[in-house]
Amino acid sequence: SDGSCLSPLQCNAKVCADCACVNGNCQCADGWSGDFCETPFCVNRTDGCSGHGECQVTPTSMSCQCDTNFTGPHCANETHCELDCVHGGSPNA
């Protein structure tokens, strides 16, 4: 349970392309955490993206693509925009 490893496969390398075993310890890539890189940043809308975004997973990263009017790494911050910010800007709070 201390993250010690002999091969990248012990560090979830089957799923996490950039997770590695370095000097006998798991080294997690962006989007993964835990002793053995077993904990994903997000899984779906409700598990990781606060129900306000889609979990975007690539071979090398993981992030939430937030719905309109939600921001933050896990889409947990609601912006109260009276206007539609059509050019991708953020409303003045």
PDB file of N, CA and C in Angstrom:
ATOM      1  N   SER A   1       0.821  -1.207   0.000  1.00  0.00           N
ATOM      2  CA  SER A   1       0.000   0.000   0.000  1.00  0.00           C
ATOM      3  C   SER A   1       0.858   1.262   0.000  1.00  0.00           C
ATOM      4  N   ASP A   2       2.163   1.124  -0.240  1.00  0.00           N
ATOM      5  CA  ASP A   2       3.031   2.302  -0.232  1.00  0.00           C
ATOM      6  C   ASP A   2       3.432   2.735  -1.634  1.00  0.00           C
ATOM      7  N   GLY A   3       2.854   2.129  -2.657  1.00  0.00           N
ATOM      8  CA  GLY A   3       3.163   2.513  -4.017  1.00  0.00           C
ATOM      9  C   GLY A   3       4.423   1.874  -4.564  1.00  0.00           C
ATOM     10  N   SER A   4       5.001   0.904  -3.836  1.00  0.00           N
ATOM     11  CA  SER A   4       6.202   0.257  -4.348  1.00  0.00           C
ATOM     12  C   SER A   4       5.823  -0.700  -5.478  1.00  0.00           C
ATOM     13  N   CYS A   5       6.710  -0.785  -6.479  1.00  0.00           N
ATOM     14  CA  CYS A   5       6.386  -1.554  -7.667  1.00  0.00           C
ATOM     15  C   CYS A   5       7.641  -2.161  -8.273  1.00  0.00           C
ATOM     16  N   LEU A   6       7.411  -3.144  -9.133  1.00  0.00           N
ATOM     17  CA  LEU A   6       8.479  -3.749  -9.908  1.00  0.00           C
ATOM     18  C   LEU A   6       8.316  -3.458 -11.398  1.00  0.00           C
ATOM     19  N   SER A   7       7.069  -3.164 -11.814  1.00  0.00           N
ATOM     20  CA  SER A   7       6.821  -2.881 -13.224  1.00  0.00           C
ATOM     21  C   SER A   7       5.715  -1.843 -13.358  1.00  0.00           C
ATOM     22  N   PRO A   8       5.653  -1.152 -14.507  1.00  0.00           N
ATOM     23  CA  PRO A   8       4.599  -0.153 -14.721  1.00  0.00           C
ATOM     24  C   PRO A   8       3.195  -0.743 -14.633  1.00  0.00           C
ATOM     25  N   LEU A   9       3.044  -2.030 -14.935  1.00  0.00           N
ATOM     26  CA  LEU A   9       1.718  -2.642 -14.868  1.00  0.00           C
ATOM     27  C   LEU A   9       1.141  -2.579 -13.461  1.00  0.00           C
ATOM     28  N   GLN A  10       2.002  -2.567 -12.449  1.00  0.00           N
ATOM     29  CA  GLN A  10       1.519  -2.438 -11.070  1.00  0.00           C
ATOM     30  C   GLN A  10       1.043  -1.017 -10.784  1.00  0.00           C
ATOM     31  N   CYS A  11       1.350  -0.095 -11.681  1.00  0.00           N
ATOM     32  CA  CYS A  11       0.979   1.314 -11.514  1.00  0.00           C
ATOM     33  C   CYS A  11      -0.116   1.708 -12.503  1.00  0.00           C
ATOM     34  N   ASN A  12      -0.960   0.743 -12.848  1.00  0.00           N
ATOM     35  CA  ASN A  12      -2.124   0.976 -13.696  1.00  0.00           C
ATOM     36  C   ASN A  12      -1.745   1.351 -15.126  1.00  0.00           C
ATOM     37  N   ALA A  13      -0.589   0.910 -15.616  1.00  0.00           N
ATOM     38  CA  ALA A  13      -0.119   1.288 -16.947  1.00  0.00           C
ATOM     39  C   ALA A  13      -0.998   0.753 -18.076  1.00  0.00           C
ATOM     40  N   LYS A  14      -1.806  -0.271 -17.794  1.00  0.00           N
ATOM     41  CA  LYS A  14      -2.720  -0.761 -18.833  1.00  0.00           C
ATOM     42  C   LYS A  14      -3.731   0.310 -19.202  1.00  0.00           C
ATOM     43  N   VAL A  15      -4.142   1.124 -18.236  1.00  0.00           N
ATOM     44  CA  VAL A  15      -5.141   2.161 -18.459  1.00  0.00           C
ATOM     45  C   VAL A  15      -4.493   3.539 -18.570  1.00  0.00           C
ATOM     46  N   CYS A  16      -3.462   3.767 -17.790  1.00  0.00           N
ATOM     47  CA  CYS A  16      -2.781   5.065 -17.720  1.00  0.00           C
ATOM     48  C   CYS A  16      -1.464   4.979 -18.490  1.00  0.00           C
ATOM     49  N   ALA A  17      -1.459   5.470 -19.734  1.00  0.00           N
ATOM     50  CA  ALA A  17      -0.302   5.310 -20.619  1.00  0.00           C
ATOM     51  C   ALA A  17       0.976   5.931 -20.060  1.00  0.00           C
ATOM     52  N   ASP A  18       0.865   7.040 -19.325  1.00  0.00           N
ATOM     53  CA  ASP A  18       2.055   7.722 -18.819  1.00  0.00           C
ATOM     54  C   ASP A  18       2.389   7.385 -17.369  1.00  0.00           C
ATOM     55  N   CYS A  19       1.650   6.472 -16.746  1.00  0.00           N
ATOM     56  CA  CYS A  19       1.989   6.056 -15.393  1.00  0.00           C
ATOM     57  C   CYS A  19       3.205   5.133 -15.478  1.00  0.00           C
ATOM     58  N   ALA A  20       4.108   5.250 -14.512  1.00  0.00           N
ATOM     59  CA  ALA A  20       5.364   4.512 -14.594  1.00  0.00           C
ATOM     60  C   ALA A  20       5.805   4.023 -13.223  1.00  0.00           C
ATOM     61  N   CYS A  21       6.731   3.079 -13.254  1.00  0.00           N
ATOM     62  CA  CYS A  21       7.385   2.607 -12.046  1.00  0.00           C
ATOM     63  C   CYS A  21       8.807   3.148 -12.100  1.00  0.00           C
ATOM     64  N   VAL A  22       9.118   4.107 -11.229  1.00  0.00           N
ATOM     65  CA  VAL A  22      10.421   4.773 -11.237  1.00  0.00           C
ATOM     66  C   VAL A  22      11.132   4.503  -9.911  1.00  0.00           C
ATOM     67  N   ASN A  23      12.308   3.888  -9.989  1.00  0.00           N
ATOM     68  CA  ASN A  23      13.080   3.565  -8.787  1.00  0.00           C
ATOM     69  C   ASN A  23      12.245   2.809  -7.757  1.00  0.00           C
ATOM     70  N   GLY A  24      11.380   1.905  -8.252  1.00  0.00           N
ATOM     71  CA  GLY A  24      10.599   1.064  -7.353  1.00  0.00           C
ATOM     72  C   GLY A  24       9.345   1.699  -6.794  1.00  0.00           C
ATOM     73  N   ASN A  25       8.986   2.897  -7.290  1.00  0.00           N
ATOM     74  CA  ASN A  25       7.771   3.568  -6.821  1.00  0.00           C
ATOM     75  C   ASN A  25       6.926   4.015  -8.003  1.00  0.00           C
ATOM     76  N   CYS A  26       5.606   3.931  -7.824  1.00  0.00           N
ATOM     77  CA  CYS A  26       4.703   4.361  -8.881  1.00  0.00           C
ATOM     78  C   CYS A  26       4.769   5.879  -9.045  1.00  0.00           C
ATOM     79  N   GLN A  27       4.843   6.309 -10.295  1.00  0.00           N
ATOM     80  CA  GLN A  27       4.809   7.724 -10.632  1.00  0.00           C
ATOM     81  C   GLN A  27       3.595   7.935 -11.527  1.00  0.00           C
ATOM     82  N   CYS A  28       2.614   8.662 -11.005  1.00  0.00           N
ATOM     83  CA  CYS A  28       1.337   8.818 -11.702  1.00  0.00           C
ATOM     84  C   CYS A  28       1.394   9.942 -12.732  1.00  0.00           C
ATOM     85  N   ALA A  29       0.625   9.773 -13.780  1.00  0.00           N
ATOM     86  CA  ALA A  29       0.502  10.796 -14.809  1.00  0.00           C
ATOM     87  C   ALA A  29      -0.658  11.720 -14.482  1.00  0.00           C
ATOM     88  N   ASP A  30      -0.783  12.797 -15.264  1.00  0.00           N
ATOM     89  CA  ASP A  30      -1.910  13.719 -15.093  1.00  0.00           C
ATOM     90  C   ASP A  30      -3.221  12.957 -15.131  1.00  0.00           C
ATOM     91  N   GLY A  31      -4.069  13.229 -14.182  1.00  0.00           N
ATOM     92  CA  GLY A  31      -5.383  12.602 -14.162  1.00  0.00           C
ATOM     93  C   GLY A  31      -5.482  11.376 -13.281  1.00  0.00           C
ATOM     94  N   TRP A  32      -4.362  10.924 -12.721  1.00  0.00           N
ATOM     95  CA  TRP A  32      -4.372   9.723 -11.888  1.00  0.00           C
ATOM     96  C   TRP A  32      -3.694  10.003 -10.561  1.00  0.00           C
ATOM     97  N   SER A  33      -4.189   9.394  -9.497  1.00  0.00           N
ATOM     98  CA  SER A  33      -3.586   9.543  -8.176  1.00  0.00           C
ATOM     99  C   SER A  33      -3.730   8.242  -7.410  1.00  0.00           C
ATOM    100  N   GLY A  34      -3.222   8.219  -6.198  1.00  0.00           N
ATOM    101  CA  GLY A  34      -3.250   7.018  -5.376  1.00  0.00           C
ATOM    102  C   GLY A  34      -1.894   6.335  -5.388  1.00  0.00           C
ATOM    103  N   ASP A  35      -1.683   5.455  -4.434  1.00  0.00           N
ATOM    104  CA  ASP A  35      -0.395   4.761  -4.308  1.00  0.00           C
ATOM    105  C   ASP A  35      -0.006   4.042  -5.592  1.00  0.00           C
ATOM    106  N   PHE A  36      -1.000   3.471  -6.263  1.00  0.00           N
ATOM    107  CA  PHE A  36      -0.729   2.703  -7.479  1.00  0.00           C
ATOM    108  C   PHE A  36      -1.416   3.328  -8.694  1.00  0.00           C
ATOM    109  N   CYS A  37      -1.624   4.661  -8.642  1.00  0.00           N
ATOM    110  CA  CYS A  37      -2.242   5.410  -9.749  1.00  0.00           C
ATOM    111  C   CYS A  37      -3.598   4.824 -10.124  1.00  0.00           C
ATOM    112  N   GLU A  38      -4.324   4.352  -9.118  1.00  0.00           N
ATOM    113  CA  GLU A  38      -5.594   3.663  -9.363  1.00  0.00           C
ATOM    114  C   GLU A  38      -6.803   4.593  -9.320  1.00  0.00           C
ATOM    115  N   THR A  39      -6.626   5.826  -8.872  1.00  0.00           N
ATOM    116  CA  THR A  39      -7.752   6.737  -8.694  1.00  0.00           C
ATOM    117  C   THR A  39      -7.816   7.746  -9.837  1.00  0.00           C
ATOM    118  N   PRO A  40      -8.845   7.655 -10.688  1.00  0.00           N
ATOM    119  CA  PRO A  40      -8.954   8.601 -11.799  1.00  0.00           C
ATOM    120  C   PRO A  40      -9.460   9.957 -11.334  1.00  0.00           C
ATOM    121  N   PHE A  41      -9.016  11.008 -12.017  1.00  0.00           N
ATOM    122  CA  PHE A  41      -9.471  12.376 -11.740  1.00  0.00           C
ATOM    123  C   PHE A  41     -10.981  12.467 -11.928  1.00  0.00           C
ATOM    124  N   CYS A  42     -11.482  11.831 -12.976  1.00  0.00           N
ATOM    125  CA  CYS A  42     -12.920  11.804 -13.213  1.00  0.00           C
ATOM    126  C   CYS A  42     -13.278  10.501 -13.918  1.00  0.00           C
ATOM    127  N   VAL A  43     -14.515  10.082 -13.732  1.00  0.00           N
ATOM    128  CA  VAL A  43     -15.014   8.857 -14.356  1.00  0.00           C
ATOM    129  C   VAL A  43     -16.143   9.192 -15.325  1.00  0.00           C
ATOM    130  N   ASN A  44     -17.064  10.038 -14.876  1.00  0.00           N
ATOM    131  CA  ASN A  44     -18.207  10.438 -15.699  1.00  0.00           C
ATOM    132  C   ASN A  44     -18.768  11.745 -15.151  1.00  0.00           C
ATOM    133  N   ARG A  45     -19.938  12.143 -15.628  1.00  0.00           N
ATOM    134  CA  ARG A  45     -20.518  13.426 -15.198  1.00  0.00           C
ATOM    135  C   ARG A  45     -20.641  13.540 -13.684  1.00  0.00           C
ATOM    136  N   THR A  46     -21.130  12.481 -13.041  1.00  0.00           N
ATOM    137  CA  THR A  46     -21.397  12.588 -11.612  1.00  0.00           C
ATOM    138  C   THR A  46     -20.181  12.231 -10.770  1.00  0.00           C
ATOM    139  N   ASP A  47     -19.334  11.340 -11.248  1.00  0.00           N
ATOM    140  CA  ASP A  47     -18.162  10.914 -10.484  1.00  0.00           C
ATOM    141  C   ASP A  47     -16.934  11.649 -10.999  1.00  0.00           C
ATOM    142  N   GLY A  48     -16.722  12.842 -10.476  1.00  0.00           N
ATOM    143  CA  GLY A  48     -15.543  13.609 -10.842  1.00  0.00           C
ATOM    144  C   GLY A  48     -15.832  14.964 -11.439  1.00  0.00           C
ATOM    145  N   CYS A  49     -16.956  15.109 -12.136  1.00  0.00           N
ATOM    146  CA  CYS A  49     -17.274  16.385 -12.786  1.00  0.00           C
ATOM    147  C   CYS A  49     -18.488  17.062 -12.157  1.00  0.00           C
ATOM    148  N   SER A  50     -18.809  16.729 -10.931  1.00  0.00           N
ATOM    149  CA  SER A  50     -19.861  17.382 -10.134  1.00  0.00           C
ATOM    150  C   SER A  50     -21.231  17.394 -10.798  1.00  0.00           C
ATOM    151  N   GLY A  51     -21.439  16.525 -11.790  1.00  0.00           N
ATOM    152  CA  GLY A  51     -22.722  16.494 -12.475  1.00  0.00           C
ATOM    153  C   GLY A  51     -22.914  17.635 -13.462  1.00  0.00           C
ATOM    154  N   HIS A  52     -21.838  18.430 -13.703  1.00  0.00           N
ATOM    155  CA  HIS A  52     -21.962  19.610 -14.565  1.00  0.00           C
ATOM    156  C   HIS A  52     -20.926  19.623 -15.684  1.00  0.00           C
ATOM    157  N   GLY A  53     -20.490  18.452 -16.125  1.00  0.00           N
ATOM    158  CA  GLY A  53     -19.517  18.391 -17.205  1.00  0.00           C
ATOM    159  C   GLY A  53     -19.275  16.962 -17.627  1.00  0.00           C
ATOM    160  N   GLU A  54     -18.545  16.817 -18.728  1.00  0.00           N
ATOM    161  CA  GLU A  54     -18.205  15.491 -19.236  1.00  0.00           C
ATOM    162  C   GLU A  54     -16.739  15.202 -18.942  1.00  0.00           C
ATOM    163  N   CYS A  55     -16.464  13.963 -18.553  1.00  0.00           N
ATOM    164  CA  CYS A  55     -15.093  13.544 -18.300  1.00  0.00           C
ATOM    165  C   CYS A  55     -14.420  13.255 -19.644  1.00  0.00           C
ATOM    166  N   GLN A  56     -13.352  13.993 -19.942  1.00  0.00           N
ATOM    167  CA  GLN A  56     -12.607  13.823 -21.185  1.00  0.00           C
ATOM    168  C   GLN A  56     -11.337  13.037 -20.869  1.00  0.00           C
ATOM    169  N   VAL A  57     -11.210  11.854 -21.459  1.00  0.00           N
ATOM    170  CA  VAL A  57     -10.054  11.002 -21.186  1.00  0.00           C
ATOM    171  C   VAL A  57      -9.269  10.803 -22.473  1.00  0.00           C
ATOM    172  N   THR A  58      -7.973  11.070 -22.417  1.00  0.00           N
ATOM    173  CA  THR A  58      -7.072  10.773 -23.522  1.00  0.00           C
ATOM    174  C   THR A  58      -6.023   9.804 -22.980  1.00  0.00           C
ATOM    175  N   PRO A  59      -5.172   9.248 -23.829  1.00  0.00           N
ATOM    176  CA  PRO A  59      -4.150   8.330 -23.314  1.00  0.00           C
ATOM    177  C   PRO A  59      -3.175   8.987 -22.330  1.00  0.00           C
ATOM    178  N   THR A  60      -3.076  10.320 -22.360  1.00  0.00           N
ATOM    179  CA  THR A  60      -2.093  10.980 -21.508  1.00  0.00           C
ATOM    180  C   THR A  60      -2.669  11.984 -20.517  1.00  0.00           C
ATOM    181  N   SER A  61      -3.971  12.216 -20.542  1.00  0.00           N
ATOM    182  CA  SER A  61      -4.532  13.162 -19.577  1.00  0.00           C
ATOM    183  C   SER A  61      -6.013  12.899 -19.345  1.00  0.00           C
ATOM    184  N   MET A  62      -6.556  13.606 -18.365  1.00  0.00           N
ATOM    185  CA  MET A  62      -7.948  13.445 -17.990  1.00  0.00           C
ATOM    186  C   MET A  62      -8.428  14.770 -17.409  1.00  0.00           C
ATOM    187  N   SER A  63      -9.579  15.244 -17.869  1.00  0.00           N
ATOM    188  CA  SER A  63     -10.099  16.504 -17.352  1.00  0.00           C
ATOM    189  C   SER A  63     -11.609  16.545 -17.557  1.00  0.00           C
ATOM    190  N   CYS A  64     -12.235  17.523 -16.925  1.00  0.00           N
ATOM    191  CA  CYS A  64     -13.666  17.730 -17.098  1.00  0.00           C
ATOM    192  C   CYS A  64     -13.893  18.850 -18.101  1.00  0.00           C
ATOM    193  N   GLN A  65     -14.761  18.581 -19.071  1.00  0.00           N
ATOM    194  CA  GLN A  65     -15.213  19.606 -20.017  1.00  0.00           C
ATOM    195  C   GLN A  65     -16.531  20.123 -19.457  1.00  0.00           C
ATOM    196  N   CYS A  66     -16.505  21.319 -18.885  1.00  0.00           N
ATOM    197  CA  CYS A  66     -17.653  21.821 -18.126  1.00  0.00           C
ATOM    198  C   CYS A  66     -18.800  22.285 -19.011  1.00  0.00           C
ATOM    199  N   ASP A  67     -20.023  22.115 -18.481  1.00  0.00           N
ATOM    200  CA  ASP A  67     -21.216  22.648 -19.119  1.00  0.00           C
ATOM    201  C   ASP A  67     -21.185  24.173 -19.062  1.00  0.00           C
ATOM    202  N   THR A  68     -22.021  24.806 -19.865  1.00  0.00           N
ATOM    203  CA  THR A  68     -22.156  26.260 -19.840  1.00  0.00           C
ATOM    204  C   THR A  68     -22.491  26.714 -18.421  1.00  0.00           C
ATOM    205  N   ASN A  69     -21.870  27.782 -17.991  1.00  0.00           N
ATOM    206  CA  ASN A  69     -22.074  28.403 -16.667  1.00  0.00           C
ATOM    207  C   ASN A  69     -21.439  27.629 -15.519  1.00  0.00           C
ATOM    208  N   PHE A  70     -20.552  26.661 -15.805  1.00  0.00           N
ATOM    209  CA  PHE A  70     -19.824  25.971 -14.747  1.00  0.00           C
ATOM    210  C   PHE A  70     -18.338  25.998 -15.076  1.00  0.00           C
ATOM    211  N   THR A  71     -17.516  26.203 -14.037  1.00  0.00           N
ATOM    212  CA  THR A  71     -16.069  26.287 -14.230  1.00  0.00           C
ATOM    213  C   THR A  71     -15.368  25.500 -13.138  1.00  0.00           C
ATOM    214  N   GLY A  72     -14.056  25.468 -13.204  1.00  0.00           N
ATOM    215  CA  GLY A  72     -13.239  24.793 -12.203  1.00  0.00           C
ATOM    216  C   GLY A  72     -12.812  23.425 -12.689  1.00  0.00           C
ATOM    217  N   PRO A  73     -11.782  22.863 -12.062  1.00  0.00           N
ATOM    218  CA  PRO A  73     -11.262  21.572 -12.503  1.00  0.00           C
ATOM    219  C   PRO A  73     -12.315  20.466 -12.493  1.00  0.00           C
ATOM    220  N   HIS A  74     -13.235  20.520 -11.514  1.00  0.00           N
ATOM    221  CA  HIS A  74     -14.282  19.495 -11.412  1.00  0.00           C
ATOM    222  C   HIS A  74     -15.666  20.065 -11.724  1.00  0.00           C
ATOM    223  N   CYS A  75     -15.700  21.236 -12.397  1.00  0.00           N
ATOM    224  CA  CYS A  75     -16.961  21.887 -12.802  1.00  0.00           C
ATOM    225  C   CYS A  75     -17.878  22.158 -11.608  1.00  0.00           C
ATOM    226  N   ALA A  76     -17.297  22.474 -10.470  1.00  0.00           N
ATOM    227  CA  ALA A  76     -18.088  22.674  -9.251  1.00  0.00           C
ATOM    228  C   ALA A  76     -18.467  24.136  -9.035  1.00  0.00           C
ATOM    229  N   ASN A  77     -17.875  25.055  -9.797  1.00  0.00           N
ATOM    230  CA  ASN A  77     -18.144  26.478  -9.592  1.00  0.00           C
ATOM    231  C   ASN A  77     -19.158  26.966 -10.621  1.00  0.00           C
ATOM    232  N   GLU A  78     -20.261  27.493 -10.128  1.00  0.00           N
ATOM    233  CA  GLU A  78     -21.291  28.005 -11.020  1.00  0.00           C
ATOM    234  C   GLU A  78     -21.073  29.492 -11.233  1.00  0.00           C
ATOM    235  N   THR A  79     -21.079  29.918 -12.480  1.00  0.00           N
ATOM    236  CA  THR A  79     -20.987  31.344 -12.784  1.00  0.00           C
ATOM    237  C   THR A  79     -22.393  31.830 -13.066  1.00  0.00           C
ATOM    238  N   HIS A  80     -22.724  32.959 -12.509  1.00  0.00           N
ATOM    239  CA  HIS A  80     -24.065  33.507 -12.695  1.00  0.00           C
ATOM    240  C   HIS A  80     -23.978  34.558 -13.783  1.00  0.00           C
ATOM    241  N   CYS A  81     -24.014  34.098 -15.004  1.00  0.00           N
ATOM    242  CA  CYS A  81     -23.873  34.994 -16.137  1.00  0.00           C
ATOM    243  C   CYS A  81     -25.254  35.361 -16.650  1.00  0.00           C
ATOM    244  N   GLU A  82     -25.574  36.631 -16.561  1.00  0.00           N
ATOM    245  CA  GLU A  82     -26.860  37.101 -17.072  1.00  0.00           C
ATOM    246  C   GLU A  82     -26.830  37.151 -18.598  1.00  0.00           C
ATOM    247  N   LEU A  83     -25.629  37.247 -19.144  1.00  0.00           N
ATOM    248  CA  LEU A  83     -25.459  37.330 -20.591  1.00  0.00           C
ATOM    249  C   LEU A  83     -24.883  36.027 -21.099  1.00  0.00           C
ATOM    250  N   ASP A  84     -25.132  35.693 -22.333  1.00  0.00           N
ATOM    251  CA  ASP A  84     -24.461  34.559 -22.943  1.00  0.00           C
ATOM    252  C   ASP A  84     -23.098  35.041 -23.409  1.00  0.00           C
ATOM    253  N   CYS A  85     -22.058  34.434 -22.878  1.00  0.00           N
ATOM    254  CA  CYS A  85     -20.697  34.817 -23.232  1.00  0.00           C
ATOM    255  C   CYS A  85     -20.322  34.022 -24.486  1.00  0.00           C
ATOM    256  N   VAL A  86     -20.707  34.525 -25.634  1.00  0.00           N
ATOM    257  CA  VAL A  86     -20.628  33.761 -26.872  1.00  0.00           C
ATOM    258  C   VAL A  86     -19.210  33.604 -27.398  1.00  0.00           C
ATOM    259  N   HIS A  87     -18.277  34.402 -26.918  1.00  0.00           N
ATOM    260  CA  HIS A  87     -16.916  34.317 -27.421  1.00  0.00           C
ATOM    261  C   HIS A  87     -15.967  33.593 -26.466  1.00  0.00           C
ATOM    262  N   GLY A  88     -16.525  32.828 -25.525  1.00  0.00           N
ATOM    263  CA  GLY A  88     -15.706  32.030 -24.631  1.00  0.00           C
ATOM    264  C   GLY A  88     -15.167  32.807 -23.448  1.00  0.00           C
ATOM    265  N   GLY A  89     -15.584  34.039 -23.271  1.00  0.00           N
ATOM    266  CA  GLY A  89     -15.113  34.825 -22.143  1.00  0.00           C
ATOM    267  C   GLY A  89     -15.804  34.462 -20.862  1.00  0.00           C
ATOM    268  N   SER A  90     -15.307  34.993 -19.758  1.00  0.00           N
ATOM    269  CA  SER A  90     -15.916  34.771 -18.465  1.00  0.00           C
ATOM    270  C   SER A  90     -16.658  36.023 -18.044  1.00  0.00           C
ATOM    271  N   PRO A  91     -17.843  35.882 -17.468  1.00  0.00           N
ATOM    272  CA  PRO A  91     -18.585  37.068 -17.027  1.00  0.00           C
ATOM    273  C   PRO A  91     -17.908  37.700 -15.824  1.00  0.00           C
ATOM    274  N   ASN A  92     -18.110  38.994 -15.673  1.00  0.00           N
ATOM    275  CA  ASN A  92     -17.601  39.664 -14.476  1.00  0.00           C
ATOM    276  C   ASN A  92     -18.489  39.282 -13.304  1.00  0.00           C
ATOM    277  N   ALA A  93     -17.875  38.797 -12.243  1.00  0.00           N
ATOM    278  CA  ALA A  93     -18.657  38.324 -11.098  1.00  0.00           C
ATOM    279  C   ALA A  93     -19.070  39.485 -10.217  1.00  0.00           C
TER     280      ALA A  93
END
